[in-house]
Amino acid sequence: MKSSHENPIRTAQEGAEYFGIEIGQTAPILVLKTDKGYFSMIVSGERGRVNFKEISQLRYT
């Protein structure tokens, strides 16, 4: 398995191709900065796009 890369991986599809796996095996991690701090979100590669408007409505405590 590859452990480093020179170009950023921007999509689950690019990650799957880079690592030679199916897209459903990917789990991209997004780091979000809000007025309440930093949050990380792990997304299934099968989910598709992330709706940031929907995420902005979540309440963090």
C-alpha atoms as a PDB file:
ATOM      1  CA  MET A   1       0.000   0.000   0.000  1.00  0.00           C
ATOM      2  CA  LYS A   2       1.196   3.495  -0.803  1.00  0.00           C
ATOM      3  CA  SER A   3       1.881   5.730   2.185  1.00  0.00           C
ATOM      4  CA  SER A   4       2.519   9.165   0.689  1.00  0.00           C
ATOM      5  CA  HIS A   5       1.628  11.131  -2.408  1.00  0.00           C
ATOM      6  CA  GLU A   6       2.741  14.331  -4.078  1.00  0.00           C
ATOM      7  CA  ASN A   7      -0.625  15.663  -5.266  1.00  0.00           C
ATOM      8  CA  PRO A   8      -3.670  16.249  -3.052  1.00  0.00           C
ATOM      9  CA  ILE A   9      -6.489  13.726  -3.206  1.00  0.00           C
ATOM     10  CA  ARG A  10      -9.654  15.800  -3.575  1.00  0.00           C
ATOM     11  CA  THR A  11     -12.377  13.215  -4.103  1.00  0.00           C
ATOM     12  CA  ALA A  12     -13.258   9.743  -2.880  1.00  0.00           C
ATOM     13  CA  GLN A  13     -12.881   8.535  -6.470  1.00  0.00           C
ATOM     14  CA  GLU A  14      -9.329   9.922  -6.693  1.00  0.00           C
ATOM     15  CA  GLY A  15      -8.503   8.238  -3.373  1.00  0.00           C
ATOM     16  CA  ALA A  16      -9.923   4.915  -4.493  1.00  0.00           C
ATOM     17  CA  GLU A  17      -7.944   5.061  -7.730  1.00  0.00           C
ATOM     18  CA  TYR A  18      -4.757   6.086  -5.945  1.00  0.00           C
ATOM     19  CA  PHE A  19      -4.949   3.246  -3.404  1.00  0.00           C
ATOM     20  CA  GLY A  20      -6.360   0.712  -5.864  1.00  0.00           C
ATOM     21  CA  ILE A  21      -9.573   0.073  -3.896  1.00  0.00           C
ATOM     22  CA  GLU A  22     -13.318   0.349  -4.478  1.00  0.00           C
ATOM     23  CA  ILE A  23     -14.936   3.713  -3.708  1.00  0.00           C
ATOM     24  CA  GLY A  24     -17.062   2.096  -0.986  1.00  0.00           C
ATOM     25  CA  GLN A  25     -13.855   1.243   0.887  1.00  0.00           C
ATOM     26  CA  THR A  26     -12.848   4.897   1.215  1.00  0.00           C
ATOM     27  CA  ALA A  27     -13.542   7.068   4.253  1.00  0.00           C
ATOM     28  CA  PRO A  28     -12.518  10.666   3.534  1.00  0.00           C
ATOM     29  CA  ILE A  29     -11.990  12.855   6.591  1.00  0.00           C
ATOM     30  CA  LEU A  30     -13.038  16.488   6.469  1.00  0.00           C
ATOM     31  CA  VAL A  31     -11.738  19.000   9.006  1.00  0.00           C
ATOM     32  CA  LEU A  32     -14.194  21.852   9.477  1.00  0.00           C
ATOM     33  CA  LYS A  33     -13.434  25.148  11.208  1.00  0.00           C
ATOM     34  CA  THR A  34     -16.407  26.874  12.846  1.00  0.00           C
ATOM     35  CA  ASP A  35     -16.897  29.676  15.318  1.00  0.00           C
ATOM     36  CA  LYS A  36     -17.039  26.950  18.010  1.00  0.00           C
ATOM     37  CA  GLY A  37     -13.755  25.306  17.037  1.00  0.00           C
ATOM     38  CA  TYR A  38     -12.548  22.544  14.755  1.00  0.00           C
ATOM     39  CA  PHE A  39     -14.550  19.435  13.983  1.00  0.00           C
ATOM     40  CA  SER A  40     -13.652  16.356  11.997  1.00  0.00           C
ATOM     41  CA  MET A  41     -16.111  14.340   9.988  1.00  0.00           C
ATOM     42  CA  ILE A  42     -15.532  10.887   8.529  1.00  0.00           C
ATOM     43  CA  VAL A  43     -17.637  10.295   5.423  1.00  0.00           C
ATOM     44  CA  SER A  44     -18.400   6.982   3.720  1.00  0.00           C
ATOM     45  CA  GLY A  45     -17.097   6.937   0.160  1.00  0.00           C
ATOM     46  CA  GLU A  46     -20.492   5.638  -0.954  1.00  0.00           C
ATOM     47  CA  ARG A  47     -22.290   8.688   0.457  1.00  0.00           C
ATOM     48  CA  GLY A  48     -21.397  10.978  -2.404  1.00  0.00           C
ATOM     49  CA  ARG A  49     -21.443  14.714  -1.888  1.00  0.00           C
ATOM     50  CA  VAL A  50     -21.552  16.416   1.496  1.00  0.00           C
ATOM     51  CA  ASN A  51     -24.302  18.994   2.030  1.00  0.00           C
ATOM     52  CA  PHE A  52     -22.557  21.767   3.975  1.00  0.00           C
ATOM     53  CA  LYS A  53     -25.786  23.723   4.366  1.00  0.00           C
ATOM     54  CA  GLU A  54     -27.275  20.721   6.182  1.00  0.00           C
ATOM     55  CA  ILE A  55     -24.158  20.360   8.323  1.00  0.00           C
ATOM     56  CA  SER A  56     -24.286  24.033   9.297  1.00  0.00           C
ATOM     57  CA  GLN A  57     -27.680  23.401  10.932  1.00  0.00           C
ATOM     58  CA  LEU A  58     -26.267  20.797  13.357  1.00  0.00           C
ATOM     59  CA  ARG A  59     -25.926  21.903  16.962  1.00  0.00           C
ATOM     60  CA  TYR A  60     -22.596  21.171  18.621  1.00  0.00           C
ATOM     61  CA  THR A  61     -22.323  21.138  22.387  1.00  0.00           C
END
